[in-house]
Protein backbone atom coordinates (compact mmCIF):
# COMPACT_ATOMS: atom_id res chain seq x y z
CA MET A 1 9.67 -10.99 -25.17
CA ALA A 2 6.51 -9.26 -23.12
CA GLN A 3 7.22 -11.94 -20.44
CA SER A 4 11.06 -11.54 -20.25
CA VAL A 5 10.46 -7.69 -19.68
CA PHE A 6 8.15 -8.03 -17.36
CA ARG A 7 10.61 -9.96 -15.31
CA PHE A 8 12.73 -6.71 -14.69
CA LEU A 9 9.71 -4.99 -13.45
CA TRP A 10 8.87 -7.59 -10.71
CA LEU A 11 12.37 -8.24 -9.63
CA SER A 12 12.94 -4.62 -9.30
CA PHE A 13 9.73 -4.51 -7.29
CA LEU A 14 10.62 -7.32 -5.24
CA ILE A 15 14.00 -5.62 -4.02
CA SER A 16 12.58 -2.54 -3.33
CA SER A 17 9.79 -4.31 -1.47
CA ILE A 18 12.26 -5.85 0.80
CA GLY A 19 13.96 -2.42 1.65
CA ASP A 20 10.52 -0.87 2.17
CA TRP A 21 9.32 -3.66 4.64
CA LEU A 22 12.37 -2.97 6.76
CA TYR A 23 11.39 0.54 6.61
CA LYS A 24 8.20 0.10 7.65
CA LEU A 25 9.22 -2.16 10.67
CA ALA A 26 12.04 -0.23 11.81
CA LEU A 27 10.37 3.20 11.79
CA PRO A 28 7.76 2.67 14.37
CA VAL A 29 10.23 0.69 16.61
CA VAL A 30 12.95 3.43 16.30
CA ILE A 31 10.05 6.21 17.51
CA LEU A 32 8.67 3.92 20.19
CA GLN A 33 12.16 3.53 21.74
CA LYS A 34 13.04 7.38 21.59
CA THR A 35 9.62 8.47 22.76
CA GLY A 36 7.75 5.78 24.10
CA SER A 37 4.34 7.52 22.51
CA ALA A 38 1.85 5.89 20.36
CA TYR A 39 0.71 8.97 19.03
CA HIS A 40 3.71 10.01 17.57
CA ALA A 41 4.59 6.53 16.10
CA ALA A 42 1.04 6.57 14.73
CA THR A 43 1.41 10.13 13.36
CA ALA A 44 4.28 9.32 11.74
CA PHE A 45 2.68 6.39 9.96
CA GLY A 46 -0.08 8.57 8.99
CA VAL A 47 2.27 11.54 7.56
CA SER A 48 3.58 9.09 5.08
CA PHE A 49 0.51 8.79 3.36
CA VAL A 50 -0.21 12.59 3.24
CA PRO A 51 1.59 12.79 0.03
CA TRP A 52 -0.69 10.43 -1.81
CA ILE A 53 -3.47 13.30 -1.15
CA VAL A 54 -0.91 15.90 -2.35
CA PHE A 55 1.07 14.60 -5.32
CA SER A 56 -1.15 11.59 -6.81
CA LEU A 57 -2.63 13.70 -9.53
CA LEU A 58 0.62 15.11 -10.64
CA GLY A 59 1.83 11.53 -10.67
CA GLY A 60 -0.67 10.64 -13.27
CA VAL A 61 0.06 13.42 -15.39
CA ILE A 62 3.68 12.31 -15.32
CA ALA A 63 2.72 8.91 -16.21
CA ASP A 64 0.78 9.90 -19.36
CA ASP A 65 3.06 12.48 -20.54
CA TYR A 66 6.56 10.88 -19.91
CA VAL A 67 8.43 7.37 -20.73
CA LYS A 68 7.30 5.65 -17.70
CA LYS A 69 10.60 3.82 -17.61
CA TYR A 70 12.64 6.89 -16.97
CA VAL A 71 9.89 8.26 -14.20
CA LEU A 72 10.36 4.81 -12.35
CA ILE A 73 14.41 5.17 -12.61
CA VAL A 74 14.82 8.61 -11.45
CA GLY A 75 12.20 7.93 -8.57
CA HIS A 76 14.03 5.04 -7.13
CA PHE A 77 17.30 7.07 -7.27
CA LEU A 78 15.72 10.08 -5.46
CA ALA A 79 13.80 7.82 -2.65
CA SER A 80 17.23 6.38 -2.14
CA GLY A 81 18.99 9.75 -1.38
CA LEU A 82 15.69 10.59 0.74
CA ALA A 83 16.01 7.71 2.86
CA LEU A 84 19.57 8.65 3.60
CA LEU A 85 18.07 11.88 4.78
CA LEU A 86 15.84 10.32 6.94
CA LEU A 87 18.59 8.06 8.78
CA GLY A 88 20.34 11.05 9.33
CA VAL A 89 17.37 12.84 11.44
CA LEU A 90 16.81 9.81 13.27
CA TRP A 91 20.43 9.42 14.13
CA GLN A 92 20.08 12.85 16.21
CA ARG A 93 20.20 12.42 19.84
CA GLN A 94 17.62 14.67 20.37
CA LEU A 95 14.75 13.84 17.82
CA SER A 96 13.28 16.88 15.98
CA TYR A 97 9.64 16.10 15.21
CA PRO A 98 9.50 18.78 12.41
CA LEU A 99 12.52 17.54 10.84
CA LEU A 100 11.46 13.86 11.18
CA TYR A 101 8.08 14.52 9.64
CA GLY A 102 9.55 16.36 6.98
CA ALA A 103 11.96 13.75 6.04
CA ILE A 104 9.25 11.03 6.18
CA PHE A 105 6.83 13.21 3.91
CA LEU A 106 9.76 13.74 1.41
CA LEU A 107 10.56 10.20 1.07
CA SER A 108 6.66 9.14 1.06
CA SER A 109 6.30 11.72 -1.69
CA VAL A 110 8.32 9.56 -4.41
CA ASP A 111 5.64 6.48 -4.59
CA PRO A 112 2.72 8.62 -5.57
CA LEU A 113 4.70 10.37 -8.19
CA THR A 114 5.73 6.93 -9.57
CA HIS A 115 2.95 4.38 -8.91
CA PRO A 116 0.84 5.69 -11.61
CA SER A 117 3.72 5.08 -14.00
CA PHE A 118 4.24 1.59 -12.44
CA GLN A 119 0.59 0.52 -12.76
CA SER A 120 0.03 1.76 -16.29
CA VAL A 121 3.29 0.41 -17.57
CA ILE A 122 2.06 -3.02 -17.05
CA PRO A 123 -0.29 -3.35 -19.81
CA GLU A 124 2.44 -2.35 -22.28
CA LEU A 125 4.57 -5.17 -20.88
CA VAL A 126 1.70 -8.22 -21.11
CA THR A 127 -1.24 -8.91 -23.14
CA ALA A 128 -4.85 -8.14 -22.06
CA ASN A 129 -5.50 -11.54 -21.01
CA GLN A 130 -2.25 -11.72 -18.76
CA LEU A 131 -3.36 -8.71 -16.73
CA VAL A 132 -5.01 -10.58 -14.02
CA ALA A 133 -1.48 -12.99 -13.86
CA ALA A 134 0.53 -9.90 -14.14
CA ASN A 135 -1.05 -8.35 -10.93
CA ALA A 136 -1.49 -11.24 -9.17
CA THR A 137 2.24 -11.73 -9.65
CA ILE A 138 3.09 -8.26 -8.17
CA GLN A 139 0.68 -9.07 -5.44
CA THR A 140 2.02 -12.50 -4.30
CA ILE A 141 5.53 -10.63 -4.26
CA GLU A 142 4.44 -8.01 -2.01
CA ASN A 143 2.45 -10.65 0.22
CA CYS A 144 5.45 -13.12 -0.01
CA ILE A 145 7.63 -10.16 1.44
CA SER A 146 5.15 -9.68 4.08
CA VAL A 147 5.73 -13.01 5.29
CA VAL A 148 9.50 -13.14 5.21
CA GLY A 149 9.80 -9.07 6.16
CA PRO A 150 8.51 -9.55 9.59
CA LEU A 151 11.08 -12.12 10.72
CA LEU A 152 13.97 -11.03 8.67
CA GLY A 153 13.09 -7.52 9.87
CA GLY A 154 12.53 -8.28 13.41
CA ALA A 155 15.92 -10.23 13.18
CA ILE A 156 17.76 -7.47 11.92
CA ILE A 157 16.37 -4.82 14.48
CA THR A 158 16.69 -7.14 17.47
CA LEU A 159 20.20 -8.14 16.46
CA ILE A 160 21.99 -5.16 14.79
CA GLY A 161 19.08 -2.24 15.41
CA GLY A 162 16.72 -0.35 13.61
CA TYR A 163 19.26 1.85 11.64
CA THR A 164 20.36 -1.00 9.86
CA GLY A 165 16.88 -1.65 8.41
CA LEU A 166 16.81 1.63 7.09
CA MET A 167 20.37 1.26 5.78
CA VAL A 168 19.05 -1.52 3.98
CA ASP A 169 16.18 0.58 2.32
CA VAL A 170 18.46 2.91 0.96
CA GLY A 171 20.50 0.40 -0.99
CA SER A 172 17.27 -1.33 -2.33
CA PHE A 173 16.21 1.45 -4.06
CA LEU A 174 19.54 2.01 -5.93
CA ILE A 175 19.44 -1.78 -6.93
CA ALA A 176 15.87 -1.50 -7.96
CA ALA A 177 16.77 1.59 -10.32
CA ILE A 178 19.10 -0.45 -12.20
CA LEU A 179 17.24 -3.19 -12.97
CA LEU A 180 14.63 -0.80 -14.50
CA CYS A 181 16.94 0.17 -17.10
CA TRP A 182 16.34 -3.01 -18.90
CA LEU A 183 12.80 -1.79 -19.61
CA PRO A 184 11.90 -0.82 -22.85
CA ASN A 185 11.48 2.69 -23.96
CA GLU A 186 7.85 2.43 -24.95
CA HIS A 187 5.94 5.57 -25.03
CA HIS A 188 2.90 6.04 -26.82
CA THR A 189 2.42 9.58 -27.94
CA ASN A 190 -1.32 10.89 -27.63
CA PRO A 191 -2.95 14.18 -28.23
CA LYS A 192 -3.42 15.87 -24.76
CA PRO A 193 -5.03 19.19 -23.80
CA ALA A 194 -2.57 21.97 -22.95
CA GLY A 195 -1.52 22.61 -19.36
CA VAL A 196 -1.30 20.40 -16.18
CA PHE A 197 -4.65 21.42 -14.78
CA ALA A 198 -6.54 20.72 -18.15
CA GLU A 199 -5.16 17.04 -18.34
CA LEU A 200 -6.13 16.59 -14.78
CA ARG A 201 -9.58 17.85 -15.27
CA VAL A 202 -9.77 15.03 -18.34
CA GLY A 203 -8.65 12.40 -15.67
CA PHE A 204 -11.23 13.70 -13.12
CA THR A 205 -14.05 13.87 -15.80
CA TYR A 206 -13.46 10.19 -17.10
CA THR A 207 -13.19 8.96 -13.43
CA LEU A 208 -16.65 10.67 -12.50
CA LYS A 209 -18.48 9.29 -15.52
CA LYS A 210 -17.06 6.02 -15.11
CA GLN A 211 -18.90 4.99 -12.00
CA VAL A 212 -17.56 1.48 -11.68
CA ILE A 213 -14.55 2.87 -11.34
CA LEU A 214 -15.52 5.53 -8.80
CA SER A 215 -17.66 3.60 -6.89
CA GLY A 216 -14.52 1.06 -6.40
CA SER A 217 -12.59 3.94 -5.32
CA LEU A 218 -14.82 5.29 -2.78
CA MET A 219 -14.99 1.74 -1.38
CA PHE A 220 -11.32 1.63 -0.93
CA PHE A 221 -11.57 4.99 0.71
CA PHE A 222 -13.61 3.49 3.94
CA THR A 223 -11.68 0.25 3.52
CA ASN A 224 -8.38 2.22 3.98
CA PHE A 225 -9.74 4.22 6.75
CA ALA A 226 -11.01 1.23 8.75
CA LEU A 227 -7.56 -0.75 7.80
CA ASN A 228 -5.45 1.91 9.31
CA MET A 229 -7.03 2.68 12.41
CA PHE A 230 -5.72 -0.74 13.32
CA GLU A 231 -2.44 -1.02 11.45
CA ALA A 232 -1.15 2.45 12.67
CA ASN A 233 -1.22 1.18 15.97
CA TYR A 234 -0.29 -2.49 15.48
CA MET A 235 3.16 -2.20 17.11
CA TYR A 236 1.85 -0.40 20.03
CA TYR A 237 -1.10 -2.68 20.55
CA MET A 238 1.17 -5.85 20.73
CA ILE A 239 3.97 -4.54 22.34
CA LYS A 240 2.78 -1.86 24.72
CA GLN A 241 -0.70 -3.18 25.42
CA LEU A 242 -0.40 -7.03 25.20
CA GLY A 243 3.21 -7.05 26.19
CA TYR A 244 4.70 -9.07 23.43
CA SER A 245 8.20 -8.92 22.33
CA LEU A 246 9.13 -7.82 18.98
CA PHE A 247 10.06 -11.19 18.05
CA LYS A 248 6.49 -12.56 18.92
CA THR A 249 5.07 -9.20 17.31
CA SER A 250 6.76 -10.25 13.88
CA ILE A 251 5.77 -13.76 14.08
CA ALA A 252 2.14 -12.73 14.14
CA MET A 253 3.05 -10.38 11.09
CA THR A 254 4.48 -13.34 9.36
CA ILE A 255 1.67 -15.54 10.00
CA ALA A 256 -0.72 -12.75 8.79
CA GLY A 257 1.75 -12.13 5.43
CA ILE A 258 1.19 -15.96 4.77
CA GLY A 259 -2.67 -15.36 4.42
CA ALA A 260 -1.88 -12.54 1.93
CA LEU A 261 0.39 -14.55 0.01
CA LEU A 262 -2.13 -17.34 -0.34
CA GLY A 263 -4.76 -14.76 -1.63
CA GLY A 264 -2.26 -13.68 -4.34
CA LEU A 265 -1.19 -17.49 -5.25
CA PHE A 266 -4.60 -18.59 -6.12
CA ALA A 267 -6.11 -15.29 -7.03
CA THR A 268 -5.45 -15.92 -10.90
CA LYS A 269 -7.62 -19.44 -10.80
CA TRP A 270 -10.01 -18.31 -8.25
CA LEU A 271 -10.92 -14.97 -9.96
CA ALA A 272 -11.03 -16.66 -13.53
CA ASN A 273 -14.87 -17.07 -13.75
CA ARG A 274 -16.05 -14.79 -11.04
CA LYS A 275 -17.81 -11.46 -11.46
CA ALA A 276 -15.33 -8.66 -10.56
CA GLY A 277 -18.29 -6.69 -8.53
CA VAL A 278 -19.23 -9.83 -6.49
CA VAL A 279 -15.43 -10.33 -5.57
CA LEU A 280 -14.91 -6.84 -4.70
CA THR A 281 -18.06 -6.57 -2.23
CA ASN A 282 -18.10 -9.65 -0.66
CA SER A 283 -14.32 -9.70 0.26
CA THR A 284 -14.70 -6.54 1.87
CA MET A 285 -17.86 -7.59 3.88
CA TRP A 286 -15.85 -10.73 4.85
CA ALA A 287 -12.54 -8.69 5.76
CA GLY A 288 -14.77 -6.45 8.02
CA GLY A 289 -16.34 -9.39 9.80
CA LEU A 290 -13.31 -11.25 10.59
CA THR A 291 -12.00 -8.17 12.24
CA PHE A 292 -14.40 -8.65 14.95
CA LEU A 293 -12.55 -11.96 16.05
CA LEU A 294 -9.47 -9.86 17.20
CA LEU A 295 -11.90 -8.88 19.90
CA LEU A 296 -11.88 -12.41 21.27
CA VAL A 297 -8.13 -13.24 20.63
CA HIS A 298 -5.17 -11.87 22.54
CA GLN A 299 -2.74 -14.80 21.58
CA TYR A 300 -0.45 -13.82 19.24
CA ILE A 301 -0.38 -16.92 17.15
CA TYR A 302 -4.31 -16.41 16.79
CA ILE A 303 -3.98 -12.72 16.04
CA GLY A 304 -1.69 -13.60 13.50
CA LEU A 305 -4.55 -16.33 11.84
CA VAL A 306 -7.28 -13.82 12.11
CA LEU A 307 -5.02 -11.28 10.23
CA ALA A 308 -4.33 -13.94 7.75
CA GLY A 309 -7.99 -14.39 6.94
CA ILE A 310 -8.31 -10.83 6.37
CA ASN A 311 -5.43 -10.53 4.19
CA VAL A 312 -6.75 -13.32 2.07
CA PHE A 313 -9.74 -11.42 1.09
CA GLY A 314 -7.86 -8.01 0.88
CA THR A 315 -5.37 -9.42 -1.75
CA LEU A 316 -8.34 -10.56 -3.69
CA ASN A 317 -9.72 -7.14 -3.50
CA VAL A 318 -6.50 -5.44 -5.03
CA VAL A 319 -6.01 -7.85 -7.78
CA THR A 320 -9.57 -7.89 -8.73
CA TYR A 321 -9.97 -3.80 -8.64
CA PHE A 322 -6.21 -3.17 -10.26
CA SER A 323 -7.34 -5.64 -13.01
CA LEU A 324 -10.60 -4.00 -13.67
CA ARG A 325 -9.11 -0.58 -14.02
CA GLN A 326 -6.40 -1.48 -16.40
CA ARG A 327 -9.14 -3.57 -18.70
CA THR A 328 -11.73 -0.72 -18.68
CA VAL A 329 -9.59 2.44 -18.80
CA PRO A 330 -8.02 3.66 -22.21
CA GLU A 331 -4.42 3.55 -22.00
CA GLN A 332 -3.83 7.22 -22.35
CA LEU A 333 -5.69 7.95 -19.86
CA LEU A 334 -4.86 5.35 -17.39
CA GLY A 335 -2.01 7.08 -15.33
CA ARG A 336 -4.31 9.94 -14.47
CA VAL A 337 -7.24 7.75 -13.49
CA VAL A 338 -4.97 5.45 -11.34
CA ALA A 339 -3.69 8.79 -9.66
CA VAL A 340 -7.35 10.04 -9.02
CA THR A 341 -8.62 6.86 -7.91
CA ARG A 342 -5.59 6.27 -5.59
CA MET A 343 -5.78 9.74 -4.26
CA VAL A 344 -9.50 9.29 -3.16
CA SER A 345 -8.48 5.75 -1.33
CA TYR A 346 -5.18 6.83 0.20
CA ALA A 347 -6.77 9.72 1.71
CA ALA A 348 -8.26 7.99 4.24
CA ILE A 349 -5.12 6.49 5.53
CA PRO A 350 -3.80 9.27 7.06
CA LEU A 351 -7.12 10.30 8.83
CA GLY A 352 -7.99 6.69 9.76
CA SER A 353 -4.20 6.59 11.21
CA TRP A 354 -4.64 9.66 13.12
CA VAL A 355 -8.32 8.72 14.51
CA GLY A 356 -6.95 5.37 15.68
CA GLY A 357 -4.16 6.86 17.53
CA LEU A 358 -6.33 9.66 19.01
CA ILE A 359 -8.76 7.12 20.33
CA LEU A 360 -5.82 5.26 22.11
CA GLY A 361 -4.59 8.90 23.21
CA GLN A 362 -7.75 9.63 24.94
CA GLY A 363 -7.28 6.39 27.02
CA TYR A 364 -9.30 3.96 25.16
CA GLN A 365 -8.41 0.46 24.85
CA MET A 366 -7.84 -1.04 21.35
CA ALA A 367 -11.02 -2.69 21.58
CA VAL A 368 -12.63 0.48 20.49
CA VAL A 369 -10.63 0.93 17.42
CA ILE A 370 -11.17 -2.75 16.55
CA MET A 371 -14.80 -2.75 16.65
CA ALA A 372 -14.96 0.63 14.73
CA ALA A 373 -12.80 -0.80 11.97
CA GLY A 374 -14.38 -4.08 11.34
CA ALA A 375 -18.21 -1.94 11.26
CA ILE A 376 -16.63 0.62 8.87
CA ARG A 377 -15.00 -2.18 6.49
CA PHE A 378 -18.31 -4.29 6.62
CA LEU A 379 -20.74 -1.48 5.69
CA ALA A 380 -18.65 -0.42 2.94
CA GLY A 381 -18.58 -3.70 1.11
CA PHE A 382 -22.44 -3.90 2.04
CA PHE A 383 -23.37 -0.72 0.48
CA ALA A 384 -21.02 -0.92 -2.45
CA ARG A 385 -22.95 -4.00 -3.49
CA TYR A 386 -25.76 -1.50 -4.53
CA THR A 387 -23.44 0.59 -6.48
CA GLU A 388 -22.57 0.03 -10.37
CA MET A 389 -19.54 -1.41 -9.19
CA GLY A 390 -21.46 -3.98 -7.49
CA ARG A 391 -23.07 -5.05 -10.62
CA GLU A 392 -19.80 -5.18 -12.76
CA ALA A 393 -19.02 -8.49 -14.27
């Protein structure tokens, strides 16, 4: 029964992820077509992660206080309407940056409000010894979409236009919301302190005391900073600096996605008998080291292969940390702890995106961004090895 119910969750995630991938691919392309500016493309990417800083904590309280099923359903319906609003802004002949960034911010606000519910509902649907497999399933779906997404999205945008990809995103949220209606109405009522701030204080206090959770979140802060220095400027690097077509750029993204997919497929078996702390620190260091190879390769196939290797370690990282967090945090606190740790780690994403775009905007080449990203990611794993998380079994 638990496995049967879990299928509705991952199927909903699959469909919404397809639309989300098209959105991520279409948005920078449309902005580049309208403005030709790497700065605005990178800034738009960074703005989409600002809500994680603003609303993550509220999302954690919502997850612990309300029925997670209904939180997810309402969130998907709301996201569909906001995606339609963004589409209307982009359709304007004269692009208004305040409206654009405002629409991106609103649409991106749904995810931090619902993600704690998504993460904390998984332990309610599967047994404890199935957590790694469940998280690996979710990650495999996400990585599989990263393989299909670039080719499908590239074809749609090339043949029909970027606006079509955004329309698919609108529909995907609606279908995902309907599928979530089959989730059970389980909600465990626990005594909680009065008021939102009191509840958040409990989540913060637990995270600070649980050093293995806190140190992992801080490692992800620097990892995300480094990763998004490059990712936010990927389209600009491939299309503007290296001169590749959207199709070849999508091919490289597809190859990179295959690496992430392989990491998800083998995560369950590969992680079975390994210490979580060792996996987390070593995979971060290996991902940082592989980043330096991007300085040596400029052919799009080779770029995709290097990114595939980086994504293998990134996937192992995510599956390991999510499973560790779900296994160690009490159920009545899980939503708030997910929100706190996610907020800390995601705070680096808009900052990294902005710094990467700023470096390119000052006239420096992408090599500077790559060197900085590789060094920061490697050092994050190296220093985390000597924290409580590095010693976690």
